[in-house]
């Protein structure tokens, strides 16, 4: 009897010493799973913020591209205006050159006509002196009665009393005077035209200069816009690289969850599932009577990635029922999944329920098909009340519709 008591006393500490690591090992995977899920939540949060930043940067690039196009259009318009003004300026300069050439010709003609008029007047004056000395009374009276040289030339009585030679002299003087008067008028017109064209050239030249300044200013602005666009594009590319790296890490973390589920199923003494041995079509009931808001498969939110379950939309607090009978292997907060529950149905088959507002079961609990295991919520990485429902085979996600 004493030996049995002594043996019991010796074996009890040994049994406790052996059992403690087992308890610790059983608890460590759960804590590790929670840590992994917390990491996933953080990476999903970062993924969302990076995706939002990428969208903002992409919109910035689009806006800058529009700005560059608008500035280029403004520059093209200013360049066309500059070309038009330059053409008008060149035409005015040609017109000014022609006017100045004509003005030189008219001035030279005026000098010649003045010389001719002076010569004709000198000849006429000499003839009048000669007539005066000859003593012809009628001619002398006409000359003395005239108010001036021009009045004398217009006097018909005088012209009737002079000879043919004198008439030719008078006609030459009259023609020279008329041509000189016309030339002086033309000269004044050309001088006024020259001043007007010079003023127009000054205005056009200033307009061309202002347009050139505007073009250079717009070119500087477009250079700045293009530089900003290049900076934003570099940021977008860098952000996209970070985004892909985050997605890769996220998928690695997801693989860890799958391994955890397989390990938990193994601990529940369930064997692996043989290919083709799972009975499909109607094995599970619907956990909610609601619409599918996001199907299983590839989707973009905020980046293109694989959606590993069904999203079923229902109001917050709607009861969630077990799709099939099984054992609870995960029940608690799990990162981006929020309040998360997984049931092991045996044969490597499991179902998971995410984003719950509350969990109604605990790890190790047996549930029957249709039992309420939680309530619809919006916890974790979620954008509105719904149930994220997954079906997994040996820890790998499959399309739940094959089992509903």
Protein backbone atom coordinates (compact mmCIF):
# COMPACT_ATOMS: atom_id res chain seq x y z
CA UNK A 1 0.00 0.00 0.00
CA UNK A 2 2.77 2.37 0.96
CA UNK A 3 4.58 1.42 -2.22
CA UNK A 4 1.52 2.29 -4.34
CA UNK A 5 1.17 5.66 -2.58
CA UNK A 6 4.87 6.35 -3.02
CA UNK A 7 4.66 5.36 -6.69
CA UNK A 8 1.67 7.63 -7.16
CA UNK A 9 3.53 10.52 -5.57
CA UNK A 10 6.49 9.94 -7.87
CA UNK A 11 4.45 9.47 -11.04
CA UNK A 12 2.10 12.47 -10.54
CA UNK A 13 4.79 15.16 -11.03
CA UNK A 14 6.13 13.22 -14.00
CA UNK A 15 2.67 13.10 -15.58
CA UNK A 16 2.18 16.82 -14.98
CA UNK A 17 5.62 17.53 -16.48
CA UNK A 18 4.70 15.52 -19.60
CA UNK A 19 1.25 17.11 -19.91
CA UNK A 20 2.36 20.73 -19.66
CA UNK A 21 4.15 20.83 -23.04
CA UNK A 22 1.12 19.23 -24.64
CA UNK A 23 -1.15 21.97 -23.33
CA UNK A 24 1.37 24.58 -24.37
CA UNK A 25 1.70 23.08 -27.83
CA UNK A 26 -2.07 22.99 -28.18
CA UNK A 27 -2.36 26.66 -27.18
CA UNK A 28 0.59 27.93 -29.25
CA UNK A 29 -0.96 27.15 -32.66
CA UNK A 30 -4.05 29.16 -31.73
CA UNK A 31 -1.96 32.13 -30.62
CA UNK A 32 0.17 31.77 -33.74
CA UNK A 33 -2.99 31.65 -35.86
CA UNK A 34 -4.27 34.82 -34.24
CA UNK A 35 -0.93 36.51 -34.87
CA UNK A 36 -0.99 35.44 -38.51
CA UNK A 37 -4.55 36.66 -38.92
CA UNK A 38 -3.58 39.97 -37.31
CA UNK A 39 -0.75 40.24 -39.83
CA UNK A 40 -3.21 39.54 -42.63
CA UNK A 41 -5.51 42.26 -41.31
CA UNK A 42 -2.63 44.75 -41.29
CA UNK A 43 -1.58 43.79 -44.79
CA UNK A 44 -5.14 44.07 -46.06
CA UNK A 45 -5.38 47.49 -44.46
CA UNK A 46 -2.13 48.50 -46.13
CA UNK A 47 -3.33 46.95 -49.36
CA UNK A 48 -6.47 49.06 -49.24
CA UNK A 49 -4.61 52.28 -48.49
CA UNK A 50 -2.01 51.58 -51.17
CA UNK A 51 -4.75 50.81 -53.68
CA UNK A 52 -6.54 54.04 -52.79
CA UNK A 53 -3.28 55.96 -53.16
CA UNK A 54 -2.68 54.32 -56.54
CA UNK A 55 -6.15 55.40 -57.69
CA UNK A 56 -5.49 58.96 -56.52
CA UNK A 57 -2.14 59.05 -58.30
CA UNK A 58 -3.70 57.62 -61.44
CA UNK A 59 -6.35 60.35 -61.39
CA UNK A 60 -3.55 62.90 -60.87
CA UNK A 61 -1.78 61.56 -63.94
CA UNK A 62 -5.02 61.80 -65.93
CA UNK A 63 -5.56 65.39 -64.76
CA UNK A 64 -1.98 66.33 -65.61
CA UNK A 65 -2.30 64.72 -69.02
CA UNK A 66 -5.41 66.81 -69.63
CA UNK A 67 -3.54 69.91 -68.47
CA UNK A 68 -0.63 69.17 -70.79
CA UNK A 69 -3.04 68.65 -73.71
CA UNK A 70 -4.85 71.92 -72.90
CA UNK A 71 -1.57 73.83 -72.65
CA UNK A 72 -0.39 72.34 -75.93
CA UNK A 73 -3.64 73.47 -77.54
CA UNK A 74 -3.12 76.99 -76.15
CA UNK A 75 0.45 77.02 -77.47
CA UNK A 76 -0.74 75.85 -80.90
CA UNK A 77 -3.34 78.65 -80.96
CA UNK A 78 -0.78 81.25 -79.90
CA UNK A 79 1.66 79.96 -82.49
CA UNK A 80 -0.98 80.29 -85.21
CA UNK A 81 -1.76 83.83 -84.01
CA UNK A 82 1.94 84.65 -84.02
CA UNK A 83 2.28 83.32 -87.57
CA UNK A 84 -0.75 85.38 -88.67
CA UNK A 85 0.58 88.54 -87.02
CA UNK A 86 4.01 87.93 -88.50
CA UNK A 87 2.46 87.57 -91.94
CA UNK A 88 0.51 90.81 -91.49
CA UNK A 89 3.67 92.53 -90.25
CA UNK A 90 5.65 91.32 -93.26
CA UNK A 91 2.88 92.53 -95.60
CA UNK A 92 2.88 95.95 -93.94
CA UNK A 93 6.64 96.15 -94.24
CA UNK A 94 6.42 95.33 -97.95
CA UNK A 95 3.69 97.94 -98.32
CA UNK A 96 5.86 100.46 -96.49
CA UNK A 97 8.80 99.66 -98.76
CA UNK A 98 6.64 100.14 -101.85
CA UNK A 99 5.24 103.40 -100.47
CA UNK A 100 8.68 104.68 -99.62
CA UNK A 101 9.90 103.81 -103.13
CA UNK A 102 6.94 105.56 -104.68
CA UNK A 103 7.49 108.49 -102.35
CA UNK A 104 11.09 108.79 -103.51
CA UNK A 105 9.96 108.78 -107.14
CA UNK A 106 7.30 111.42 -106.49
CA UNK A 107 9.74 113.62 -104.61
CA UNK A 108 12.25 113.39 -107.47
CA UNK A 109 9.46 114.21 -109.94
CA UNK A 110 8.43 117.17 -107.78
CA UNK A 111 11.99 118.47 -107.85
CA UNK A 112 12.10 118.13 -111.63
CA UNK A 113 8.73 119.83 -112.02
CA UNK A 114 9.75 122.69 -109.75
CA UNK A 115 12.91 123.12 -111.81
CA UNK A 116 10.87 123.06 -115.02
CA UNK A 117 8.36 125.53 -113.58
CA UNK A 118 11.14 127.84 -112.50
CA UNK A 119 12.68 127.69 -115.97
CA UNK A 120 9.32 128.33 -117.64
CA UNK A 121 8.64 131.27 -115.36
CA UNK A 122 12.06 132.69 -116.11
CA UNK A 123 11.41 132.41 -119.85
CA UNK A 124 7.98 134.00 -119.43
CA UNK A 125 9.38 136.80 -117.32
CA UNK A 126 12.01 137.54 -119.91
CA UNK A 127 9.34 137.60 -122.62
CA UNK A 128 7.18 139.99 -120.61
CA UNK A 129 10.12 142.32 -120.14
CA UNK A 130 10.72 142.17 -123.85
CA UNK A 131 7.07 142.97 -124.62
CA UNK A 132 7.07 145.76 -122.12
CA UNK A 133 10.12 147.30 -123.72
CA UNK A 134 8.52 147.00 -127.16
CA UNK A 135 5.79 149.36 -126.01
CA UNK A 136 2.71 147.37 -126.99
CA UNK A 137 -0.02 149.12 -124.99
CA UNK A 138 -2.57 146.28 -124.88
CA UNK A 139 -0.11 143.78 -123.49
CA UNK A 140 1.25 146.26 -120.99
CA UNK A 141 -2.24 147.06 -119.71
CA UNK A 142 -3.05 143.36 -119.28
CA UNK A 143 0.15 142.81 -117.31
CA UNK A 144 -0.38 145.88 -115.15
CA UNK A 145 -4.05 145.07 -114.48
CA UNK A 146 -3.33 141.43 -113.40
CA UNK A 147 -3.50 140.60 -109.64
CA UNK A 148 -0.68 138.12 -109.99
CA UNK A 149 1.14 135.76 -112.25
CA UNK A 150 -1.58 133.16 -112.12
CA UNK A 151 -4.30 135.74 -112.84
CA UNK A 152 -2.36 136.88 -115.81
CA UNK A 153 -2.09 133.34 -117.16
CA UNK A 154 -5.84 132.93 -116.82
CA UNK A 155 -6.61 136.15 -118.64
CA UNK A 156 -7.93 135.28 -122.10
CA UNK A 157 -7.40 138.80 -123.43
CA UNK A 158 -3.71 138.46 -122.74
CA UNK A 159 -3.50 135.16 -124.50
CA UNK A 160 -5.22 136.62 -127.56
CA UNK A 161 -2.61 139.34 -127.85
CA UNK A 162 0.54 137.27 -127.66
CA UNK A 163 2.18 135.24 -130.36
CA UNK A 164 2.42 131.52 -130.89
CA UNK A 165 5.77 131.30 -129.17
CA UNK A 166 4.39 133.08 -126.16
CA UNK A 167 1.45 130.69 -126.06
CA UNK A 168 3.78 127.72 -125.92
CA UNK A 169 5.66 129.35 -123.07
CA UNK A 170 2.45 130.02 -121.15
CA UNK A 171 1.15 126.49 -121.78
CA UNK A 172 4.41 125.00 -120.52
CA UNK A 173 4.28 127.14 -117.40
CA UNK A 174 0.64 126.23 -116.77
CA UNK A 175 1.33 122.50 -117.24
CA UNK A 176 4.37 122.65 -115.02
CA UNK A 177 2.39 124.41 -112.32
CA UNK A 178 -0.48 121.88 -112.49
CA UNK A 179 1.87 118.91 -112.41
CA UNK A 180 3.73 120.43 -109.49
CA UNK A 181 0.49 120.98 -107.57
CA UNK A 182 -0.67 117.40 -108.25
CA UNK A 183 2.70 115.99 -107.27
CA UNK A 184 2.71 117.94 -104.01
CA UNK A 185 -0.74 116.54 -103.18
CA UNK A 186 0.39 113.01 -103.99
CA UNK A 187 3.50 113.57 -101.91
CA UNK A 188 1.43 114.59 -98.89
CA UNK A 189 -0.86 111.57 -99.34
CA UNK A 190 2.11 109.20 -99.49
CA UNK A 191 3.73 110.79 -96.43
CA UNK A 192 0.49 110.33 -94.45
CA UNK A 193 0.23 106.75 -95.67
CA UNK A 194 3.82 106.10 -94.64
CA UNK A 195 3.11 107.38 -91.11
CA UNK A 196 -0.03 105.23 -90.87
CA UNK A 197 1.78 102.09 -92.03
CA UNK A 198 4.65 102.79 -89.63
CA UNK A 199 2.14 103.06 -86.76
CA UNK A 200 0.48 99.78 -87.81
CA UNK A 201 3.87 98.07 -88.00
CA UNK A 202 4.66 99.28 -84.47
CA UNK A 203 1.37 97.82 -83.20
CA UNK A 204 1.86 94.52 -85.05
CA UNK A 205 5.45 94.21 -83.86
CA UNK A 206 4.33 94.67 -80.24
CA UNK A 207 1.54 92.11 -80.71
CA UNK A 208 4.03 89.59 -82.11
CA UNK A 209 6.39 90.24 -79.18
CA UNK A 210 3.57 89.74 -76.64
CA UNK A 211 2.47 86.54 -78.37
CA UNK A 212 6.03 85.21 -78.28
CA UNK A 213 6.20 85.95 -74.56
CA UNK A 214 2.88 84.10 -74.07
CA UNK A 215 4.16 81.12 -76.05
CA UNK A 216 7.36 80.93 -73.99
CA UNK A 217 5.36 81.24 -70.76
CA UNK A 218 3.04 78.42 -71.83
CA UNK A 219 6.01 76.29 -72.84
CA UNK A 220 7.54 76.77 -69.40
CA UNK A 221 4.20 75.83 -67.85
CA UNK A 222 3.87 72.72 -70.00
CA UNK A 223 7.43 71.71 -69.09
CA UNK A 224 6.51 71.98 -65.39
CA UNK A 225 3.31 69.98 -65.96
CA UNK A 226 5.22 67.27 -67.80
CA UNK A 227 7.81 67.11 -65.03
CA UNK A 228 5.01 66.77 -62.46
CA UNK A 229 3.45 64.03 -64.59
CA UNK A 230 6.75 62.14 -64.68
CA UNK A 231 7.04 62.41 -60.88
CA UNK A 232 3.51 61.10 -60.39
CA UNK A 233 4.09 58.25 -62.83
CA UNK A 234 7.19 57.24 -60.91
CA UNK A 235 5.13 57.28 -57.71
CA UNK A 236 2.41 55.18 -59.35
CA UNK A 237 4.95 52.62 -60.54
CA UNK A 238 6.62 52.49 -57.12
CA UNK A 239 3.20 52.16 -55.47
CA UNK A 240 2.21 49.38 -57.87
CA UNK A 241 5.43 47.53 -57.02
CA UNK A 242 4.71 47.84 -53.30
CA UNK A 243 1.14 46.74 -53.94
CA UNK A 244 2.21 43.56 -55.69
CA UNK A 245 4.68 42.81 -52.91
CA UNK A 246 1.90 43.25 -50.34
CA UNK A 247 -0.36 40.94 -52.33
CA UNK A 248 2.39 38.32 -52.42
CA UNK A 249 2.89 38.55 -48.68
CA UNK A 250 -0.87 38.41 -48.18
CA UNK A 251 -1.13 35.22 -50.20
CA UNK A 252 1.72 33.71 -48.19
CA UNK A 253 -0.15 34.55 -45.00
CA UNK A 254 -3.30 33.02 -46.49
CA UNK A 255 -1.37 29.80 -47.10
CA UNK A 256 -0.45 29.76 -43.41
CA UNK A 257 -4.15 29.87 -42.52
CA UNK A 258 -4.82 26.95 -44.81
CA UNK A 259 -2.07 24.96 -43.12
CA UNK A 260 -3.53 25.87 -39.70
CA UNK A 261 -6.94 24.61 -40.76
CA UNK A 262 -5.47 21.35 -42.01
CA UNK A 263 -3.57 20.95 -38.74
CA UNK A 264 -6.73 21.59 -36.73
CA UNK A 265 -8.62 19.05 -38.81
CA UNK A 266 -5.87 16.51 -38.22
CA UNK A 267 -6.13 17.10 -34.49
CA UNK A 268 -9.83 16.26 -34.77
CA UNK A 269 -8.82 12.83 -36.12
CA UNK A 270 -10.14 13.42 -39.59
CA UNK A 271 -8.32 11.84 -42.45
CA UNK A 272 -7.47 13.39 -45.77
CA UNK A 273 -10.03 13.48 -48.52
CA UNK A 274 -9.46 11.33 -51.56
CA UNK A 275 -9.93 13.02 -54.94
CA UNK A 276 -13.50 12.64 -56.12
CA UNK A 277 -14.69 11.15 -52.84
CA UNK A 278 -16.56 14.24 -51.64
CA UNK A 279 -20.29 14.10 -52.20
CA UNK A 280 -21.21 17.40 -53.91
CA UNK A 281 -24.44 19.19 -54.65
CA UNK A 282 -26.72 19.88 -51.75
CA UNK A 283 -24.52 18.59 -48.96
CA UNK A 284 -24.70 21.96 -47.16
CA UNK A 285 -27.63 24.21 -46.45
CA UNK A 286 -27.40 27.95 -47.05
CA UNK A 287 -26.09 29.70 -43.91
CA UNK A 288 -28.22 32.71 -44.82
CA UNK A 289 -31.28 33.25 -46.97
CA UNK A 290 -29.87 36.25 -48.84
CA UNK A 291 -28.46 37.37 -52.19
CA UNK A 292 -24.89 36.78 -53.33
CA UNK A 293 -23.18 40.19 -53.43
CA UNK A 294 -19.76 38.91 -54.51
CA UNK A 295 -19.13 35.45 -55.99
CA UNK A 296 -16.20 33.10 -55.63
CA UNK A 297 -13.28 33.85 -57.98
CA UNK A 298 -11.20 36.71 -59.31
CA UNK A 299 -12.30 40.24 -58.50
CA UNK A 300 -10.84 43.74 -58.09
CA UNK A 301 -11.14 45.23 -54.60
CA UNK A 302 -9.05 47.36 -54.56
CA UNK A 303 -6.65 45.29 -56.65
CA UNK A 304 -7.22 42.19 -58.73
CA UNK A 305 -7.02 39.14 -56.47
CA UNK A 306 -8.82 35.87 -55.86
CA UNK A 307 -11.98 36.01 -53.70
CA UNK A 308 -12.00 32.73 -51.79
CA UNK A 309 -15.64 32.60 -50.80
CA UNK A 310 -19.18 33.89 -51.29
CA UNK A 311 -20.38 37.22 -49.90
CA UNK A 312 -24.03 36.95 -48.87
CA UNK A 313 -25.76 40.23 -48.08
CA UNK A 314 -28.10 40.43 -45.08
CA UNK A 315 -28.77 43.03 -42.36
CA UNK A 316 -26.55 43.30 -39.31
CA UNK A 317 -27.54 40.80 -36.62
CA UNK A 318 -29.20 38.26 -38.92
CA UNK A 319 -28.63 34.73 -37.47
CA UNK A 320 -26.01 32.60 -39.23
CA UNK A 321 -26.65 28.86 -39.35
CA UNK A 322 -24.13 26.03 -39.64
CA UNK A 323 -24.04 24.81 -43.25
CA UNK A 324 -23.42 21.30 -41.98
CA UNK A 325 -22.84 19.33 -38.79
CA UNK A 326 -19.31 19.53 -37.44
CA UNK A 327 -16.83 20.62 -34.80
CA UNK A 328 -15.79 24.23 -34.18
CA UNK A 329 -12.06 24.50 -34.89
CA UNK A 330 -11.71 28.31 -35.02
CA UNK A 331 -13.82 30.86 -33.15
CA UNK A 332 -12.54 34.36 -32.47
CA UNK A 333 -11.16 37.54 -33.94
CA UNK A 334 -8.95 36.71 -36.92
CA UNK A 335 -7.54 39.86 -38.54
CA UNK A 336 -9.24 40.91 -41.77
CA UNK A 337 -11.90 38.22 -41.29
CA UNK A 338 -13.11 39.98 -38.16
CA UNK A 339 -15.13 37.66 -35.94
CA UNK A 340 -14.37 34.35 -37.62
CA UNK A 341 -15.67 30.79 -37.18
CA UNK A 342 -14.60 27.58 -38.93
CA UNK A 343 -16.33 24.19 -38.68
CA UNK A 344 -14.67 20.85 -39.45
CA UNK A 345 -17.14 18.50 -41.16
CA UNK A 346 -14.78 15.54 -41.47
CA UNK A 347 -13.10 14.10 -44.52
CA UNK A 348 -10.95 17.23 -44.93
CA UNK A 349 -14.05 19.39 -45.52
CA UNK A 350 -14.58 22.62 -43.55
CA UNK A 351 -16.73 25.74 -43.74
CA UNK A 352 -15.83 29.23 -42.48
CA UNK A 353 -17.91 32.30 -41.57
CA UNK A 354 -16.34 35.79 -41.45
CA UNK A 355 -17.19 39.40 -40.45
CA UNK A 356 -19.73 38.32 -37.80
CA UNK A 357 -21.07 40.86 -35.36
CA UNK A 358 -21.01 38.13 -32.68
CA UNK A 359 -19.89 34.50 -32.36
CA UNK A 360 -22.26 32.00 -30.78
CA UNK A 361 -19.98 28.96 -30.44
CA UNK A 362 -16.58 28.06 -28.98
CA UNK A 363 -13.64 25.91 -30.08
CA UNK A 364 -14.29 22.18 -29.69
CA UNK A 365 -18.08 22.54 -29.62
CA UNK A 366 -20.15 20.13 -31.73
CA UNK A 367 -22.93 21.73 -33.79
CA UNK A 368 -25.72 20.28 -35.89
CA UNK A 369 -26.64 21.42 -39.37
CA UNK A 370 -28.84 24.52 -39.08
CA UNK A 371 -27.69 25.49 -35.58
CA UNK A 372 -27.21 29.24 -35.08
CA UNK A 373 -23.46 29.83 -34.73
CA UNK A 374 -23.29 33.64 -34.93
CA UNK A 375 -24.79 36.80 -36.43
CA UNK A 376 -24.14 38.85 -39.58
CA UNK A 377 -21.84 41.82 -39.03
CA UNK A 378 -19.29 44.20 -40.51
CA UNK A 379 -16.11 43.37 -38.57
CA UNK A 380 -12.60 43.08 -39.97
CA UNK A 381 -11.81 44.12 -43.53
CA UNK A 382 -15.42 44.69 -44.57
CA UNK A 383 -17.45 47.41 -46.28
CA UNK A 384 -20.99 46.74 -45.12
CA UNK A 385 -22.91 44.07 -43.26
CA UNK A 386 -22.60 40.68 -44.97
CA UNK A 387 -21.41 37.12 -44.43
CA UNK A 388 -18.21 35.97 -46.10
CA UNK A 389 -18.78 32.19 -46.43
CA UNK A 390 -15.96 29.80 -47.39
CA UNK A 391 -15.78 26.08 -48.07
CA UNK A 392 -12.35 24.46 -47.86
CA UNK A 393 -11.07 21.02 -48.82
CA UNK A 394 -7.90 20.05 -46.96
CA UNK A 395 -7.54 23.75 -46.11
CA UNK A 396 -7.80 25.01 -49.72
CA UNK A 397 -10.74 27.22 -50.68
CA UNK A 398 -13.23 25.84 -53.23
CA UNK A 399 -16.42 27.26 -54.74
CA UNK A 400 -19.13 27.01 -52.03
CA UNK A 401 -21.86 26.77 -54.68
CA UNK A 402 -20.67 23.22 -55.42
CA UNK A 403 -21.83 22.22 -51.92
CA UNK A 404 -24.99 24.27 -51.50
